[in-house]
Protein backbone atom coordinates (compact mmCIF):
# COMPACT_ATOMS: atom_id res chain seq x y z
CA MET A 1 64.86 -44.28 -30.04
CA SER A 2 63.92 -40.81 -28.82
CA GLN A 3 62.62 -38.23 -31.26
CA SER A 4 63.91 -34.66 -31.32
CA VAL A 5 61.50 -31.96 -30.22
CA GLU A 6 61.21 -28.84 -32.35
CA THR A 7 62.35 -25.74 -30.50
CA HIS A 8 62.11 -22.00 -30.90
CA PRO A 9 65.13 -19.83 -31.69
CA VAL A 10 67.22 -18.84 -28.68
CA ALA A 11 65.65 -16.24 -26.38
CA SER A 12 67.77 -14.00 -24.17
CA VAL A 13 67.38 -12.07 -20.94
CA VAL A 14 69.66 -9.48 -19.37
CA VAL A 15 69.38 -9.14 -15.59
CA ASP A 16 71.47 -6.67 -13.59
CA THR A 17 71.65 -6.85 -9.80
CA ALA A 18 71.90 -3.04 -9.64
CA TYR A 19 68.43 -2.43 -11.06
CA GLU A 20 65.80 -3.27 -8.47
CA SER A 21 62.22 -2.45 -9.43
CA GLY A 22 60.54 -2.90 -6.03
CA SER A 23 60.93 -4.56 -2.65
CA ILE A 24 59.04 -7.80 -2.13
CA ASP A 25 56.59 -7.40 0.76
CA ARG A 26 56.36 -10.55 2.87
CA ARG A 27 52.57 -10.19 2.60
CA LEU A 28 52.79 -11.28 -1.05
CA ARG A 29 52.92 -14.77 0.45
CA GLY A 30 49.36 -14.41 1.70
CA SER A 31 46.45 -16.81 1.54
CA PHE A 32 42.73 -16.71 2.22
CA VAL A 33 40.60 -18.62 4.72
CA GLU A 34 36.83 -18.29 4.44
CA HIS A 35 33.92 -20.02 6.13
CA LEU A 36 33.18 -21.75 2.83
CA GLY A 37 32.79 -25.48 2.26
CA ARG A 38 35.55 -27.48 3.95
CA CYS A 39 38.15 -24.71 4.02
CA ILE A 40 37.97 -24.44 7.83
CA TYR A 41 35.87 -27.32 9.12
CA GLY A 42 37.60 -30.47 7.92
CA GLY A 43 40.37 -28.38 6.40
CA ILE A 44 42.59 -26.46 8.81
CA PHE A 45 40.38 -27.32 11.83
CA GLU A 46 39.10 -30.79 12.68
CA PRO A 47 38.73 -31.64 16.37
CA GLY A 48 39.09 -35.36 16.90
CA HIS A 49 41.36 -35.89 13.91
CA PRO A 50 44.36 -38.14 14.71
CA ARG A 51 46.71 -35.23 13.91
CA ALA A 52 44.68 -32.52 15.69
CA ASP A 53 46.14 -30.55 18.60
CA ALA A 54 44.26 -29.60 21.77
CA ASP A 55 42.64 -26.67 19.93
CA GLY A 56 41.37 -28.89 17.12
CA ASN A 57 43.90 -27.62 14.55
CA ARG A 58 45.17 -30.22 12.10
CA LEU A 59 48.93 -30.35 12.58
CA ASP A 60 49.48 -32.09 9.23
CA VAL A 61 47.77 -29.18 7.49
CA ALA A 62 49.70 -26.67 9.60
CA GLU A 63 52.96 -28.31 8.47
CA LEU A 64 51.92 -27.88 4.84
CA VAL A 65 50.95 -24.25 5.46
CA ARG A 66 54.37 -23.53 6.91
CA ASP A 67 55.99 -25.31 3.95
CA LEU A 68 53.91 -23.13 1.62
CA GLY A 69 55.43 -20.09 3.30
CA VAL A 70 52.16 -18.35 4.13
CA SER A 71 52.72 -15.02 5.89
CA LEU A 72 49.23 -13.43 5.94
CA ILE A 73 45.70 -14.79 6.12
CA ARG A 74 42.66 -12.86 4.94
CA TYR A 75 39.65 -13.87 7.06
CA PRO A 76 36.65 -14.53 7.51
CA GLY A 77 35.78 -13.94 3.85
CA GLY A 78 34.98 -13.42 1.08
CA ASN A 79 31.28 -13.47 0.42
CA PHE A 80 30.76 -14.99 3.85
CA ALA A 81 32.00 -11.80 5.53
CA SER A 82 29.11 -9.77 4.12
CA GLY A 83 26.62 -11.69 6.26
CA TYR A 84 28.78 -12.46 9.29
CA ASP A 85 28.41 -11.02 12.79
CA TRP A 86 31.75 -11.38 14.58
CA ARG A 87 29.97 -11.61 17.94
CA ALA A 88 28.67 -15.06 17.02
CA GLY A 89 32.27 -16.33 16.85
CA VAL A 90 33.61 -15.15 20.22
CA GLY A 91 33.18 -16.27 23.80
CA PRO A 92 32.56 -19.80 25.13
CA VAL A 93 32.11 -22.22 22.26
CA GLU A 94 29.14 -23.90 23.91
CA ASP A 95 27.29 -20.58 23.96
CA ARG A 96 27.82 -19.69 20.32
CA PRO A 97 24.76 -19.76 18.08
CA LYS A 98 24.34 -21.65 14.84
CA ARG A 99 23.47 -19.23 12.05
CA LEU A 100 22.43 -19.27 8.40
CA ASP A 101 25.23 -18.41 6.00
CA LEU A 102 23.35 -16.80 3.14
CA ALA A 103 26.41 -16.47 0.90
CA TRP A 104 26.92 -20.24 0.51
CA ARG A 105 23.50 -21.39 1.78
CA SER A 106 25.07 -23.36 4.60
CA ILE A 107 24.77 -23.66 8.38
CA GLU A 108 27.57 -21.90 10.24
CA THR A 109 28.26 -23.54 13.61
CA ASN A 110 30.61 -20.75 14.81
CA LEU A 111 32.88 -23.31 16.46
CA PHE A 112 35.76 -21.44 14.83
CA GLY A 113 36.03 -17.69 15.33
CA LEU A 114 38.49 -14.93 16.14
CA ALA A 115 40.17 -16.65 19.11
CA GLU A 116 40.54 -19.92 17.22
CA MET A 117 41.95 -18.12 14.19
CA SER A 118 44.43 -16.26 16.38
CA ARG A 119 45.74 -19.48 17.92
CA TRP A 120 45.97 -21.10 14.49
CA LEU A 121 47.93 -18.11 13.14
CA GLU A 122 50.41 -18.48 16.00
CA LEU A 123 50.77 -22.13 15.07
CA VAL A 124 51.63 -21.42 11.42
CA GLY A 125 53.46 -18.11 11.96
CA ALA A 126 51.20 -15.82 9.93
CA ASP A 127 49.47 -12.46 10.45
CA LEU A 128 45.79 -11.57 10.07
CA ALA A 129 43.99 -9.33 7.58
CA TYR A 130 40.40 -9.03 8.84
CA THR A 131 37.48 -8.28 6.52
CA VAL A 132 34.74 -6.32 8.26
CA ASN A 133 31.09 -6.77 7.32
CA LEU A 134 29.94 -3.76 5.34
CA GLY A 135 27.15 -5.79 3.76
CA THR A 136 24.49 -6.63 6.32
CA GLN A 137 26.29 -4.82 9.15
CA GLY A 138 28.14 -1.51 8.95
CA LEU A 139 30.03 1.22 10.78
CA ALA A 140 28.93 0.47 14.35
CA ASN A 141 29.64 -3.25 14.08
CA ALA A 142 33.14 -2.61 12.66
CA VAL A 143 33.99 -0.10 15.40
CA GLU A 144 32.81 -2.50 18.09
CA LEU A 145 34.97 -5.24 16.59
CA ILE A 146 38.17 -3.19 16.58
CA GLU A 147 37.50 -2.10 20.18
CA TYR A 148 37.06 -5.75 21.15
CA ALA A 149 40.12 -6.90 19.20
CA ASN A 150 42.66 -4.09 19.50
CA PHE A 151 41.88 -1.84 22.49
CA PRO A 152 44.01 -2.69 25.57
CA GLY A 153 41.25 -2.72 28.18
CA GLY A 154 39.03 -0.70 30.47
CA THR A 155 35.99 -0.56 28.17
CA ALA A 156 33.02 -2.88 27.91
CA LEU A 157 34.14 -4.61 24.72
CA SER A 158 37.88 -4.79 25.48
CA ASP A 159 37.04 -6.16 28.92
CA LEU A 160 34.74 -8.68 27.27
CA ARG A 161 37.74 -9.92 25.30
CA VAL A 162 39.64 -10.31 28.57
CA LYS A 163 36.68 -12.18 30.06
CA HIS A 164 36.78 -14.47 27.02
CA GLY A 165 40.35 -15.44 27.93
CA ARG A 166 42.44 -13.05 25.86
CA LYS A 167 44.12 -10.46 28.06
CA GLU A 168 46.40 -8.92 25.40
CA PRO A 169 44.84 -7.28 22.34
CA TYR A 170 44.84 -9.22 19.11
CA GLY A 171 46.64 -6.30 17.49
CA ILE A 172 45.18 -6.75 14.02
CA LYS A 173 46.99 -4.33 11.73
CA THR A 174 45.34 -4.93 8.34
CA TRP A 175 41.60 -4.28 7.92
CA CYS A 176 39.60 -4.81 4.73
CA LEU A 177 36.55 -2.59 4.31
CA GLY A 178 34.05 -5.12 3.02
CA ASN A 179 34.23 -7.60 0.16
CA GLU A 180 33.38 -7.36 -3.55
CA VAL A 181 30.77 -4.70 -2.94
CA ASP A 182 30.72 -4.01 -6.70
CA GLY A 183 29.20 -7.46 -7.31
CA PRO A 184 25.40 -7.86 -7.62
CA TRP A 185 25.79 -11.28 -5.96
CA GLN A 186 27.09 -9.70 -2.77
CA LEU A 187 24.92 -9.27 0.31
CA GLY A 188 24.69 -5.52 0.75
CA HIS A 189 25.75 -4.74 -2.83
CA ARG A 190 25.94 -0.95 -3.27
CA SER A 191 26.70 1.62 -5.89
CA ALA A 192 30.23 3.00 -5.92
CA ALA A 193 29.06 6.28 -4.38
CA SER A 194 27.08 4.58 -1.61
CA TYR A 195 29.87 2.18 -0.75
CA ALA A 196 32.52 4.90 -0.83
CA GLU A 197 30.59 6.98 1.69
CA LEU A 198 30.24 4.01 4.05
CA ALA A 199 33.88 2.97 3.59
CA ALA A 200 35.14 6.51 4.25
CA GLN A 201 33.14 6.84 7.45
CA THR A 202 34.23 3.39 8.62
CA ALA A 203 37.87 4.14 7.86
CA LYS A 204 37.75 7.35 9.90
CA ALA A 205 36.21 5.56 12.86
CA LEU A 206 38.59 2.59 12.81
CA ARG A 207 41.62 4.90 12.77
CA LEU A 208 40.26 6.77 15.79
CA VAL A 209 40.47 3.52 17.75
CA ASP A 210 43.83 2.43 16.31
CA PRO A 211 45.78 4.99 14.24
CA ASP A 212 48.47 2.47 13.26
CA ILE A 213 46.32 0.14 11.15
CA GLN A 214 46.38 -0.25 7.37
CA LEU A 215 43.07 -0.08 5.54
CA VAL A 216 42.11 -1.85 2.31
CA VAL A 217 39.18 -0.45 0.33
CA SER A 218 37.11 -2.74 -1.89
CA GLY A 219 37.71 -2.35 -5.61
CA SER A 220 36.71 -4.53 -8.54
CA SER A 221 35.97 -8.20 -7.97
CA GLN A 222 37.34 -9.24 -11.37
CA PRO A 223 38.80 -7.58 -14.47
CA GLN A 224 35.77 -8.61 -16.52
CA MET A 225 33.44 -6.41 -14.47
CA PRO A 226 31.92 -3.82 -16.82
CA SER A 227 32.36 -1.20 -14.09
CA PHE A 228 36.16 -1.68 -13.93
CA PRO A 229 38.03 0.65 -13.53
CA ALA A 230 35.37 3.35 -13.15
CA TRP A 231 34.11 1.79 -9.91
CA ASP A 232 37.61 1.80 -8.44
CA ALA A 233 38.24 5.42 -9.40
CA ALA A 234 34.92 6.59 -7.96
CA VAL A 235 35.56 4.79 -4.66
CA LEU A 236 39.14 6.05 -4.39
CA GLU A 237 38.11 9.65 -5.00
CA GLN A 238 35.94 9.51 -1.88
CA THR A 239 38.34 7.49 0.28
CA TYR A 240 41.74 8.82 -0.83
CA GLY A 241 43.74 9.91 2.18
CA LEU A 242 41.77 7.54 4.42
CA VAL A 243 42.90 4.18 3.00
CA ASP A 244 46.20 2.59 2.05
CA LEU A 245 45.43 -0.10 -0.50
CA LEU A 246 42.88 -0.95 -3.18
CA SER A 247 41.55 -4.52 -3.12
CA ILE A 248 41.12 -6.28 -6.45
CA HIS A 249 40.44 -9.94 -7.23
CA ALA A 250 41.51 -12.06 -10.19
CA TYR A 251 40.60 -15.58 -11.25
CA TYR A 252 41.54 -17.18 -14.56
CA TRP A 253 40.15 -20.38 -15.98
CA PRO A 254 40.56 -22.71 -18.97
CA ASN A 255 38.72 -21.78 -22.15
CA GLY A 256 37.93 -25.09 -23.78
CA ASP A 257 40.97 -26.39 -25.64
CA ASP A 258 42.72 -23.00 -25.67
CA LEU A 259 45.61 -24.13 -23.50
CA PRO A 260 48.14 -21.47 -24.66
CA SER A 261 45.83 -18.68 -23.45
CA TYR A 262 45.39 -20.46 -20.13
CA LEU A 263 49.13 -20.80 -19.66
CA ALA A 264 49.34 -17.05 -20.35
CA ALA A 265 47.17 -16.19 -17.32
CA GLY A 266 50.10 -14.08 -16.11
CA ALA A 267 49.69 -11.82 -19.13
CA GLY A 268 46.06 -11.24 -18.22
CA LEU A 269 47.06 -10.44 -14.66
CA ASP A 270 49.77 -8.07 -15.95
CA ALA A 271 47.18 -6.04 -17.83
CA TYR A 272 44.77 -6.01 -14.87
CA LEU A 273 47.41 -4.89 -12.40
CA ASP A 274 48.70 -2.22 -14.77
CA ALA A 275 45.18 -0.82 -15.16
CA ALA A 276 44.47 -0.90 -11.41
CA ILE A 277 47.77 0.83 -10.61
CA ALA A 278 47.09 3.45 -13.28
CA THR A 279 43.67 4.06 -11.72
CA CYS A 280 45.23 4.65 -8.30
CA ASP A 281 47.74 7.07 -9.82
CA TYR A 282 45.02 8.87 -11.79
CA VAL A 283 43.06 9.56 -8.62
CA GLN A 284 46.19 10.75 -6.84
CA ALA A 285 46.95 13.13 -9.72
CA LYS A 286 43.35 14.34 -9.99
CA LEU A 287 43.27 15.16 -6.29
CA HIS A 288 46.80 16.63 -6.33
CA GLY A 289 47.65 14.20 -3.53
CA ASP A 290 51.00 13.06 -2.21
CA LYS A 291 49.84 9.68 -0.90
CA ARG A 292 50.40 6.62 -3.07
CA ILE A 293 47.66 3.98 -3.04
CA ASP A 294 48.99 0.45 -3.53
CA ILE A 295 47.28 -2.79 -4.52
CA ALA A 296 45.99 -5.66 -2.38
CA LEU A 297 45.39 -8.58 -4.72
CA ASP A 298 43.69 -10.34 -1.86
CA GLU A 299 42.02 -13.05 -3.93
CA TRP A 300 43.78 -14.68 -6.86
CA ASN A 301 43.94 -18.14 -8.39
CA VAL A 302 42.98 -20.30 -11.31
CA SER A 303 39.57 -21.85 -10.92
CA PHE A 304 36.78 -23.68 -12.70
CA THR A 305 34.09 -22.04 -10.63
CA ASP A 306 30.80 -20.69 -11.94
CA ASP A 307 27.23 -21.07 -10.71
CA SER A 308 27.55 -24.84 -11.14
CA TRP A 309 28.81 -25.05 -7.54
CA GLN A 310 25.14 -25.10 -6.62
CA ASP A 311 24.44 -28.24 -8.67
CA GLY A 312 23.87 -31.15 -6.35
CA HIS A 313 24.45 -28.95 -3.31
CA THR A 314 22.01 -29.66 -0.51
CA PRO A 315 21.44 -26.28 1.14
CA TRP A 316 21.61 -25.59 4.83
CA THR A 317 24.15 -28.22 5.76
CA SER A 318 27.35 -27.55 7.69
CA ALA A 319 30.70 -27.48 5.85
CA PRO A 320 29.47 -29.12 2.62
CA GLU A 321 31.95 -30.11 -0.09
CA LEU A 322 31.96 -27.07 -2.37
CA VAL A 323 34.25 -26.02 -5.23
CA GLU A 324 36.83 -28.72 -4.50
CA ASN A 325 38.74 -28.34 -7.75
CA VAL A 326 41.41 -30.92 -8.45
CA TYR A 327 44.31 -29.31 -10.30
CA ASN A 328 46.76 -30.74 -12.81
CA GLY A 329 50.20 -29.77 -14.07
CA TYR A 330 48.83 -27.25 -16.57
CA ASP A 331 46.95 -25.47 -13.78
CA ALA A 332 50.20 -25.24 -11.84
CA VAL A 333 51.99 -23.65 -14.80
CA ALA A 334 49.18 -21.07 -15.11
CA VAL A 335 49.50 -20.32 -11.38
CA GLY A 336 53.26 -19.98 -11.83
CA GLY A 337 52.67 -17.33 -14.48
CA MET A 338 50.44 -15.42 -12.07
CA VAL A 339 53.12 -15.67 -9.36
CA SER A 340 55.63 -14.18 -11.82
CA SER A 341 53.25 -11.31 -12.60
CA ILE A 342 52.79 -10.53 -8.90
CA LEU A 343 56.55 -10.47 -8.35
CA ARG A 344 57.04 -8.20 -11.36
CA HIS A 345 54.58 -5.74 -9.85
CA SER A 346 55.97 -5.93 -6.31
CA ALA A 347 56.68 -2.18 -6.23
CA ARG A 348 52.92 -1.59 -6.07
CA VAL A 349 51.32 -4.92 -5.14
CA ARG A 350 51.93 -5.12 -1.40
CA ILE A 351 49.43 -7.85 -0.46
CA ALA A 352 48.57 -10.98 -2.43
CA CYS A 353 46.36 -13.77 -1.08
CA MET A 354 45.95 -16.99 -3.01
CA SER A 355 42.33 -18.13 -2.80
CA LEU A 356 41.66 -20.32 -0.85
CA LEU A 357 43.99 -22.25 1.45
CA ALA A 358 42.40 -25.67 1.99
CA ASN A 359 40.00 -27.82 -0.06
CA VAL A 360 38.14 -24.99 -1.82
CA SER A 361 40.05 -24.25 -5.07
CA ALA A 362 43.05 -24.74 -2.86
CA PRO A 363 46.71 -25.77 -2.91
CA ILE A 364 46.07 -28.09 0.08
CA MET A 365 43.54 -30.92 0.09
CA THR A 366 42.40 -33.03 3.03
CA CYS A 367 40.44 -36.17 3.68
CA THR A 368 38.15 -35.95 6.70
CA GLY A 369 39.74 -38.15 9.34
CA GLY A 370 42.56 -38.96 6.93
CA PRO A 371 45.62 -37.44 5.25
CA ALA A 372 46.39 -34.05 3.75
CA TRP A 373 48.38 -33.50 0.56
CA LYS A 374 49.75 -30.85 -1.78
CA GLN A 375 47.92 -30.06 -4.99
CA THR A 376 49.99 -29.21 -8.06
CA THR A 377 49.27 -25.50 -7.55
CA PHE A 378 51.05 -25.68 -4.20
CA LEU A 379 54.40 -25.96 -5.97
CA PRO A 380 54.91 -22.57 -7.68
CA VAL A 381 53.68 -20.70 -4.61
CA ARG A 382 56.08 -22.59 -2.36
CA GLU A 383 59.02 -22.12 -4.72
CA ALA A 384 58.43 -18.37 -4.94
CA ALA A 385 58.21 -18.16 -1.14
CA ARG A 386 61.53 -19.99 -0.86
CA HIS A 387 63.49 -18.24 -3.57
CA ALA A 388 61.99 -14.84 -4.47
CA GLY A 389 64.18 -12.99 -1.98
CA ASP A 390 64.14 -9.30 -1.13
CA ALA A 391 63.34 -7.36 -4.31
CA SER A 392 62.28 -7.77 -7.92
CA LEU A 393 64.72 -6.89 -10.69
CA LEU A 394 64.22 -5.21 -14.03
CA THR A 395 64.88 -7.47 -17.01
CA VAL A 396 65.37 -6.97 -20.74
CA THR A 397 64.00 -9.99 -22.58
CA ASP A 398 64.22 -10.88 -26.27
CA SER A 399 61.86 -13.79 -26.88
CA PRO A 400 60.24 -15.43 -29.89
CA ARG A 401 56.60 -14.49 -30.23
CA MET A 402 53.37 -16.48 -30.33
CA THR A 403 49.71 -15.65 -30.79
CA THR A 404 46.98 -16.48 -28.29
CA SER A 405 43.26 -16.13 -28.89
CA ARG A 406 42.66 -14.41 -25.55
CA TYR A 407 45.63 -12.03 -25.30
CA GLY A 408 46.87 -11.66 -28.86
CA GLU A 409 50.61 -11.71 -29.59
CA LEU A 410 52.86 -12.47 -26.61
CA ASP A 411 56.42 -13.51 -25.84
CA VAL A 412 56.83 -17.29 -25.78
CA LEU A 413 58.88 -16.94 -22.60
CA ASP A 414 57.64 -14.87 -19.68
CA VAL A 415 60.46 -13.91 -17.29
CA ALA A 416 60.41 -12.43 -13.79
CA ALA A 417 63.61 -11.91 -11.81
CA THR A 418 64.29 -11.32 -8.10
CA ILE A 419 67.32 -10.82 -5.87
CA ARG A 420 68.25 -12.02 -2.40
CA HIS A 421 70.80 -9.79 -0.74
CA GLU A 422 72.45 -11.98 1.91
CA PRO A 423 74.04 -14.05 0.46
CA GLU A 424 73.50 -12.40 -2.90
CA ALA A 425 71.64 -14.60 -5.38
CA VAL A 426 69.34 -14.00 -8.35
CA THR A 427 66.32 -16.16 -9.13
CA LEU A 428 64.52 -16.16 -12.47
CA PHE A 429 60.97 -17.49 -12.79
CA VAL A 430 60.36 -18.43 -16.43
CA THR A 431 57.13 -19.62 -18.06
CA ASN A 432 57.10 -21.22 -21.50
CA ARG A 433 53.59 -20.57 -22.79
CA ASP A 434 54.03 -22.69 -25.93
CA THR A 435 52.48 -26.11 -25.42
CA THR A 436 54.54 -27.95 -28.06
CA ARG A 437 57.92 -26.25 -28.53
CA GLY A 438 60.77 -25.75 -26.11
CA CYS A 439 62.87 -22.60 -26.14
CA PRO A 440 66.56 -22.18 -25.28
CA LEU A 441 67.19 -19.22 -22.99
CA GLU A 442 70.48 -17.35 -22.83
CA ILE A 443 70.85 -15.60 -19.48
CA ARG A 444 73.18 -12.61 -19.26
CA PRO A 445 73.62 -11.79 -15.57
CA VAL A 446 75.40 -8.60 -14.55
CA GLY A 447 76.84 -8.03 -11.08
CA LEU A 448 77.21 -11.61 -9.84
CA GLY A 449 80.96 -12.06 -10.37
CA ARG A 450 83.17 -13.93 -12.82
CA GLN A 451 81.57 -17.34 -12.32
CA ILE A 452 78.13 -18.35 -11.15
CA GLU A 453 76.52 -21.48 -9.81
CA VAL A 454 73.37 -22.38 -11.74
CA ALA A 455 70.46 -24.49 -10.47
CA HIS A 456 67.43 -25.15 -12.66
CA GLU A 457 64.16 -26.81 -11.64
CA VAL A 458 61.11 -27.23 -13.86
CA LEU A 459 57.40 -27.74 -13.25
CA ARG A 460 55.98 -29.39 -16.36
CA GLY A 461 52.45 -28.88 -17.59
CA SER A 462 50.51 -32.13 -18.00
CA PRO A 463 47.11 -33.67 -17.27
CA GLU A 464 48.65 -35.40 -14.23
CA GLN A 465 47.25 -34.61 -10.77
CA ASN A 466 48.35 -35.09 -7.19
CA THR A 467 45.83 -37.17 -5.27
CA GLN A 468 45.41 -38.82 -1.90
CA ASP A 469 46.82 -42.06 -3.35
CA ALA A 470 49.60 -40.34 -5.34
CA PRO A 471 50.35 -37.09 -3.48
CA ASP A 472 53.74 -36.51 -5.17
CA ARG A 473 52.98 -37.52 -8.74
CA VAL A 474 53.62 -33.95 -9.94
CA GLY A 475 56.63 -32.14 -8.53
CA MET A 476 59.56 -29.88 -9.29
CA GLN A 477 62.21 -31.67 -11.37
CA PRO A 478 65.91 -30.67 -11.32
CA LEU A 479 67.33 -30.11 -14.80
CA ALA A 480 70.80 -28.66 -14.25
CA THR A 481 73.19 -27.74 -11.49
CA THR A 482 76.52 -26.44 -12.65
CA THR A 483 79.12 -23.69 -12.37
CA ARG A 484 80.05 -21.82 -15.51
CA ALA A 485 81.36 -18.56 -16.92
CA VAL A 486 78.85 -15.72 -16.70
CA ASP A 487 78.73 -15.23 -20.47
CA ASP A 488 77.74 -18.84 -21.13
CA VAL A 489 74.42 -19.56 -19.41
CA ILE A 490 72.07 -21.18 -21.91
CA LEU A 491 69.30 -23.38 -20.57
CA ASP A 492 66.54 -25.31 -22.29
CA ILE A 493 63.04 -24.25 -21.24
CA PRO A 494 60.62 -27.15 -21.93
CA PRO A 495 57.22 -26.55 -23.52
CA ALA A 496 54.29 -25.79 -21.21
CA SER A 497 56.48 -25.30 -18.16
CA TRP A 498 57.26 -22.99 -15.25
CA ASN A 499 60.92 -22.84 -14.29
CA VAL A 500 62.96 -21.72 -11.27
CA ILE A 501 66.53 -20.76 -12.22
CA ARG A 502 68.85 -19.80 -9.35
CA LEU A 503 72.12 -17.96 -9.99
CA GLN A 504 74.72 -17.39 -7.29
CA GLY A 505 78.13 -15.77 -7.74
CA ARG A 506 81.31 -17.75 -7.15
CA GLY A 507 84.06 -15.09 -7.36
C-alpha cells in the first residue's frame, strides 16, 4: 500500500505571452572543447574507432552532440589556451610537433588543430569561439592567427592557410581575449591593469584585420574570487568600447550532505549574473557610454573538481583520464536550475558554454574503442535546446519558502518561462529545491487562448547514474498530457526535480 507524501501548499505562477524579457541567443546552447584529458582524443576524435569517419571524428559522439543541440564551441581552452601556440596545430599532421602542455602536465600531440576543429564543427552544425593565447603568447601571435584564419588571401599567412588545404577563410566571428587571467593558477597571470592594457591593444589589432568580429574580454573565473567584481570593473574601464562581452565562469559543487543548497545552484548563478551585469552597467554609466556590454558565461557546470585531479595522475602522458566525473540525478537537477537561470537572464547573457563536452566533467561519456552515452546532465541541456524557443518571459511567482545554508531563504519552486512564436507555445522550466516535499503548482497563462494543451515531463533527483552498461537509467519521465481550461492548470511538482511544462493554445 503506497504512503502519501507530504506536500507544500499550492504555489502559483502567472505568465503572460505579451511580456518578453529578452530574446534567446542561439549561442546560449554553447559548449566547450579543450585539449584536456580525453575531451578531444578519445572523446570527439578517435581515428580507428569503428564509428570514426575519414577525418577521425567519432560519428556516435557527433550524433549525441547534435541531439544536445550545441550551437557554439569555445576552443582550444581553457587553461590549455594560455600555453598553446596555434601554429603547432596547423599544416600537415605528420609535420606537427609534440609539445608539453603545462596547464594539465600532459603531452599534446597536435593531431587535432584548427582544420580538424573546423571539419568537426561542420559535422555537428556549430560555430566557433576561439580563445587566443594572452598567457605565454600575446598581441603578435593573436594578429597572426586572425590573418591566417580570416583574411581572404594574398598575404604570407593567409596564403599559408591556402597551402594547408583551406582556400576559403575560416571566418571565425567570436574571439575570446585570453582565459581566466585573474587566476594565479593561469600561465601568464596578470594584474587587472596589466591584462586590460594587453587586451585593449589586442582588441584594436584584431578589429583592424576583421572589423565584423565580436570580442570577449576575460572577467572573473568564479564568483568566489576575492577580486570579483573589482577585477571585472577595472578591466572593462580600459577595454570599454573595444569589446562586446565580458567572460565569466561558474562552477557549483555539492557541500557534504547539504543537498538543498546544491539543488539551488541556480540561485547562486542568479546572484553572480546579477552582479556581473551590474558591473557592466556601472562601467557604462561611469564612462557615460552608449554601448552595452553583455555576458559570455563561457564556462559553467556542476563539478567535483579541486586539486585532487592531480592525485594518481602520471604527468607527461597524452590524453590521460582526468576529471571524468560521473553524474547522478541530483547533479542533473542542479544543472537544470542553472539552465533556468541562464534563460532568465537571456536579455544580457548572450553566450553560455557548458564545460566541457566529452568525458571531462561532461554530458557525454565515451569508452575508447567502444560506445558513447549520455550522462544525466545531458538531459536538462537537451530539453532546453528543444523547447526554450525564441524569448524568455517575465513571470510572477508565489511559492512557499525554504531555508538553505548556502543561500539563505529561497522559493521552494524556481520558475523560468520562455515562448516560441511559430507556432506559439510557452514552456516553463521548474525546479523543486526541496528534497522531501512535493509542491502543487497552479499555472495562470495569459494570451494562449481559451484552452491549452499541457505536457509535463520531470527529471527526478536521485543517486542513480547513467553508465556504459545502463545508458538510459535516468531519463525524462512524462507525467501529464492533457487539454484543459486555461484557469485550471494545477500540476504536481515532485521533490528534488527539474520539470519541463509545455503549454500550447487550442482556440
